[in-house]
Amino acid sequence: MKKRRILLSIVFGSMLAITGCGGDGDGDGTGATNGAGATGGGGGGSASNTCEAFCGSSCIIMGVDPAGDFNDCVAACGIIFSDECGSQAEAFVDCYESVDCDDNAAESQCQDEAISWGRCLNDFL
């Protein structure tokens, strides 16, 4: 349980970096474009959890790489995320994809989606 809390702390720290919370706003350029990976083939707007949403994406999000087999991606992702936040994660993924997987653009344009997803994740801690 302690290991999971440490991993989730890292995830929330990453999420805060994406949403810009606590940043100095000077645009230091530390967020690099993740680039679009191959689609996992499982998306389609009906993810039941974060892993299904992230693995159905065309972006590498928080270290989850959707390239390769969708089921393998979901299984690997499940080590970090165990939740029922599919709809919130999909909204975040949709926004992230709409800015071509660009961390800097997502920081300013996907805040609401990231916060909604984070609030849902909080229920599963």
C-alpha atoms as a PDB file:
ATOM      1  CA  MET A   1       0.000   0.000   0.000  1.00  0.00           C
ATOM      2  CA  LYS A   2       2.851   2.379   0.808  1.00  0.00           C
ATOM      3  CA  LYS A   3       4.461   1.762  -2.604  1.00  0.00           C
ATOM      4  CA  ARG A   4       1.174   2.594  -4.330  1.00  0.00           C
ATOM      5  CA  ARG A   5       0.859   5.885  -2.422  1.00  0.00           C
ATOM      6  CA  ILE A   6       4.381   6.841  -3.488  1.00  0.00           C
ATOM      7  CA  LEU A   7       3.543   6.112  -7.127  1.00  0.00           C
ATOM      8  CA  LEU A   8       0.315   8.085  -6.894  1.00  0.00           C
ATOM      9  CA  SER A   9       2.210  10.994  -5.332  1.00  0.00           C
ATOM     10  CA  ILE A  10       4.475  10.996  -8.369  1.00  0.00           C
ATOM     11  CA  VAL A  11       1.446  10.865 -10.669  1.00  0.00           C
ATOM     12  CA  PHE A  12      -0.260  13.753  -8.898  1.00  0.00           C
ATOM     13  CA  GLY A  13       2.963  15.746  -9.020  1.00  0.00           C
ATOM     14  CA  SER A  14       3.093  15.156 -12.756  1.00  0.00           C
ATOM     15  CA  MET A  15      -0.550  16.102 -13.088  1.00  0.00           C
ATOM     16  CA  LEU A  16       0.058  19.347 -11.233  1.00  0.00           C
ATOM     17  CA  ALA A  17       2.916  20.116 -13.602  1.00  0.00           C
ATOM     18  CA  ILE A  18       0.592  19.632 -16.554  1.00  0.00           C
ATOM     19  CA  THR A  19      -2.149  21.759 -15.049  1.00  0.00           C
ATOM     20  CA  GLY A  20       0.293  24.497 -14.129  1.00  0.00           C
ATOM     21  CA  CYS A  21      -0.580  24.496 -10.439  1.00  0.00           C
ATOM     22  CA  GLY A  22       2.221  25.974  -8.416  1.00  0.00           C
ATOM     23  CA  GLY A  23       4.253  26.943 -11.447  1.00  0.00           C
ATOM     24  CA  ASP A  24       5.951  30.288 -11.802  1.00  0.00           C
ATOM     25  CA  GLY A  25       4.385  30.875 -15.204  1.00  0.00           C
ATOM     26  CA  ASP A  26       7.620  31.917 -16.893  1.00  0.00           C
ATOM     27  CA  GLY A  27       7.352  29.222 -19.571  1.00  0.00           C
ATOM     28  CA  ASP A  28      10.689  27.575 -18.917  1.00  0.00           C
ATOM     29  CA  GLY A  29      10.030  25.058 -21.686  1.00  0.00           C
ATOM     30  CA  THR A  30      10.647  21.954 -19.601  1.00  0.00           C
ATOM     31  CA  GLY A  31       7.613  20.166 -21.056  1.00  0.00           C
ATOM     32  CA  ALA A  32       8.583  18.439 -24.265  1.00  0.00           C
ATOM     33  CA  THR A  33       6.212  17.146 -26.848  1.00  0.00           C
ATOM     34  CA  ASN A  34       5.619  13.477 -26.250  1.00  0.00           C
ATOM     35  CA  GLY A  35       4.904  12.743 -29.854  1.00  0.00           C
ATOM     36  CA  ALA A  36       2.134  10.574 -31.118  1.00  0.00           C
ATOM     37  CA  GLY A  37       2.582   6.876 -30.645  1.00  0.00           C
ATOM     38  CA  ALA A  38       0.645   4.205 -32.437  1.00  0.00           C
ATOM     39  CA  THR A  39      -2.911   3.933 -31.273  1.00  0.00           C
ATOM     40  CA  GLY A  40      -3.638   1.107 -28.915  1.00  0.00           C
ATOM     41  CA  GLY A  41      -6.806   0.232 -30.783  1.00  0.00           C
ATOM     42  CA  GLY A  42      -9.039   0.048 -27.757  1.00  0.00           C
ATOM     43  CA  GLY A  43     -10.366   3.576 -27.269  1.00  0.00           C
ATOM     44  CA  GLY A  44     -13.663   4.490 -28.801  1.00  0.00           C
ATOM     45  CA  GLY A  45     -15.164   6.573 -26.002  1.00  0.00           C
ATOM     46  CA  SER A  46     -16.065   3.868 -23.511  1.00  0.00           C
ATOM     47  CA  ALA A  47     -13.082   3.521 -21.216  1.00  0.00           C
ATOM     48  CA  SER A  48     -13.977   2.251 -17.769  1.00  0.00           C
ATOM     49  CA  ASN A  49     -10.729   3.402 -16.169  1.00  0.00           C
ATOM     50  CA  THR A  50      -7.664   5.587 -16.676  1.00  0.00           C
ATOM     51  CA  CYS A  51      -5.594   2.809 -18.244  1.00  0.00           C
ATOM     52  CA  GLU A  52      -8.147   2.079 -20.938  1.00  0.00           C
ATOM     53  CA  ALA A  53      -8.358   5.789 -21.774  1.00  0.00           C
ATOM     54  CA  PHE A  54      -4.583   6.290 -21.852  1.00  0.00           C
ATOM     55  CA  CYS A  55      -3.934   3.078 -23.805  1.00  0.00           C
ATOM     56  CA  GLY A  56      -6.571   4.048 -26.368  1.00  0.00           C
ATOM     57  CA  SER A  57      -4.800   7.352 -26.954  1.00  0.00           C
ATOM     58  CA  SER A  58      -2.365   8.365 -29.653  1.00  0.00           C
ATOM     59  CA  CYS A  59      -0.177  10.142 -27.066  1.00  0.00           C
ATOM     60  CA  ILE A  60       2.266   8.997 -24.430  1.00  0.00           C
ATOM     61  CA  ILE A  61       0.648  10.352 -21.283  1.00  0.00           C
ATOM     62  CA  MET A  62       2.341  10.239 -17.874  1.00  0.00           C
ATOM     63  CA  GLY A  63       4.631   7.492 -19.076  1.00  0.00           C
ATOM     64  CA  VAL A  64       1.841   5.281 -20.438  1.00  0.00           C
ATOM     65  CA  ASP A  65       2.841   4.405 -24.000  1.00  0.00           C
ATOM     66  CA  PRO A  66      -0.111   3.195 -26.071  1.00  0.00           C
ATOM     67  CA  ALA A  67       2.106   1.656 -28.760  1.00  0.00           C
ATOM     68  CA  GLY A  68       1.698  -2.064 -29.143  1.00  0.00           C
ATOM     69  CA  ASP A  69      -1.037  -4.339 -27.848  1.00  0.00           C
ATOM     70  CA  PHE A  70      -3.912  -2.567 -26.074  1.00  0.00           C
ATOM     71  CA  ASN A  71      -4.364  -5.307 -23.453  1.00  0.00           C
ATOM     72  CA  ASP A  72      -0.639  -5.375 -22.631  1.00  0.00           C
ATOM     73  CA  CYS A  73      -0.695  -1.594 -22.232  1.00  0.00           C
ATOM     74  CA  VAL A  74      -3.712  -1.746 -19.897  1.00  0.00           C
ATOM     75  CA  ALA A  75      -2.071  -4.468 -17.804  1.00  0.00           C
ATOM     76  CA  ALA A  76       1.194  -2.524 -17.456  1.00  0.00           C
ATOM     77  CA  CYS A  77      -0.648   0.704 -16.711  1.00  0.00           C
ATOM     78  CA  GLY A  78      -2.739  -1.032 -14.051  1.00  0.00           C
ATOM     79  CA  ILE A  79       0.349  -1.245 -11.859  1.00  0.00           C
ATOM     80  CA  ILE A  80       0.101   2.533 -11.401  1.00  0.00           C
ATOM     81  CA  PHE A  81      -3.568   3.349 -11.931  1.00  0.00           C
ATOM     82  CA  SER A  82      -6.403   1.336 -10.408  1.00  0.00           C
ATOM     83  CA  ASP A  83      -9.573   3.366 -10.688  1.00  0.00           C
ATOM     84  CA  GLU A  84     -12.925   3.824 -12.343  1.00  0.00           C
ATOM     85  CA  CYS A  85     -12.182   7.253 -13.843  1.00  0.00           C
ATOM     86  CA  GLY A  86     -12.614   6.322 -17.501  1.00  0.00           C
ATOM     87  CA  SER A  87     -14.859   9.188 -18.558  1.00  0.00           C
ATOM     88  CA  GLN A  88     -12.712  11.806 -16.807  1.00  0.00           C
ATOM     89  CA  ALA A  89      -9.512  10.298 -18.215  1.00  0.00           C
ATOM     90  CA  GLU A  90     -11.040  10.196 -21.702  1.00  0.00           C
ATOM     91  CA  ALA A  91     -11.937  13.892 -21.479  1.00  0.00           C
ATOM     92  CA  PHE A  92      -8.322  14.619 -20.508  1.00  0.00           C
ATOM     93  CA  VAL A  93      -7.017  12.400 -23.341  1.00  0.00           C
ATOM     94  CA  ASP A  94      -9.325  14.076 -25.870  1.00  0.00           C
ATOM     95  CA  CYS A  95      -8.041  17.488 -24.852  1.00  0.00           C
ATOM     96  CA  TYR A  96      -4.423  16.304 -24.846  1.00  0.00           C
ATOM     97  CA  GLU A  97      -4.810  14.859 -28.332  1.00  0.00           C
ATOM     98  CA  SER A  98      -6.493  18.055 -29.541  1.00  0.00           C
ATOM     99  CA  VAL A  99      -3.243  19.929 -28.834  1.00  0.00           C
ATOM    100  CA  ASP A 100      -1.196  17.286 -30.687  1.00  0.00           C
ATOM    101  CA  CYS A 101       0.187  15.743 -27.479  1.00  0.00           C
ATOM    102  CA  ASP A 102       2.031  18.971 -26.643  1.00  0.00           C
ATOM    103  CA  ASP A 103       2.679  19.302 -22.903  1.00  0.00           C
ATOM    104  CA  ASN A 104       3.010  23.091 -23.082  1.00  0.00           C
ATOM    105  CA  ALA A 105      -0.294  23.521 -24.906  1.00  0.00           C
ATOM    106  CA  ALA A 106      -2.014  21.007 -22.624  1.00  0.00           C
ATOM    107  CA  GLU A 107      -0.799  22.959 -19.596  1.00  0.00           C
ATOM    108  CA  SER A 108      -2.874  25.949 -20.618  1.00  0.00           C
ATOM    109  CA  GLN A 109      -5.759  24.269 -22.446  1.00  0.00           C
ATOM    110  CA  CYS A 110      -6.501  21.061 -20.518  1.00  0.00           C
ATOM    111  CA  GLN A 111      -6.570  22.276 -16.920  1.00  0.00           C
ATOM    112  CA  ASP A 112     -10.262  21.614 -16.300  1.00  0.00           C
ATOM    113  CA  GLU A 113     -10.034  18.089 -17.665  1.00  0.00           C
ATOM    114  CA  ALA A 114      -6.884  17.293 -15.671  1.00  0.00           C
ATOM    115  CA  ILE A 115      -8.428  18.610 -12.453  1.00  0.00           C
ATOM    116  CA  SER A 116     -11.633  16.620 -12.990  1.00  0.00           C
ATOM    117  CA  TRP A 117      -9.603  13.458 -13.630  1.00  0.00           C
ATOM    118  CA  GLY A 118      -7.422  14.138 -10.578  1.00  0.00           C
ATOM    119  CA  ARG A 119     -10.464  14.583  -8.347  1.00  0.00           C
ATOM    120  CA  CYS A 120     -11.794  11.240  -9.511  1.00  0.00           C
ATOM    121  CA  LEU A 121      -8.429   9.569  -8.874  1.00  0.00           C
ATOM    122  CA  ASN A 122      -8.458  10.987  -5.367  1.00  0.00           C
ATOM    123  CA  ASP A 123     -11.540   8.874  -4.626  1.00  0.00           C
ATOM    124  CA  PHE A 124      -9.473   5.728  -5.273  1.00  0.00           C
ATOM    125  CA  LEU A 125      -6.537   6.468  -2.976  1.00  0.00           C
END
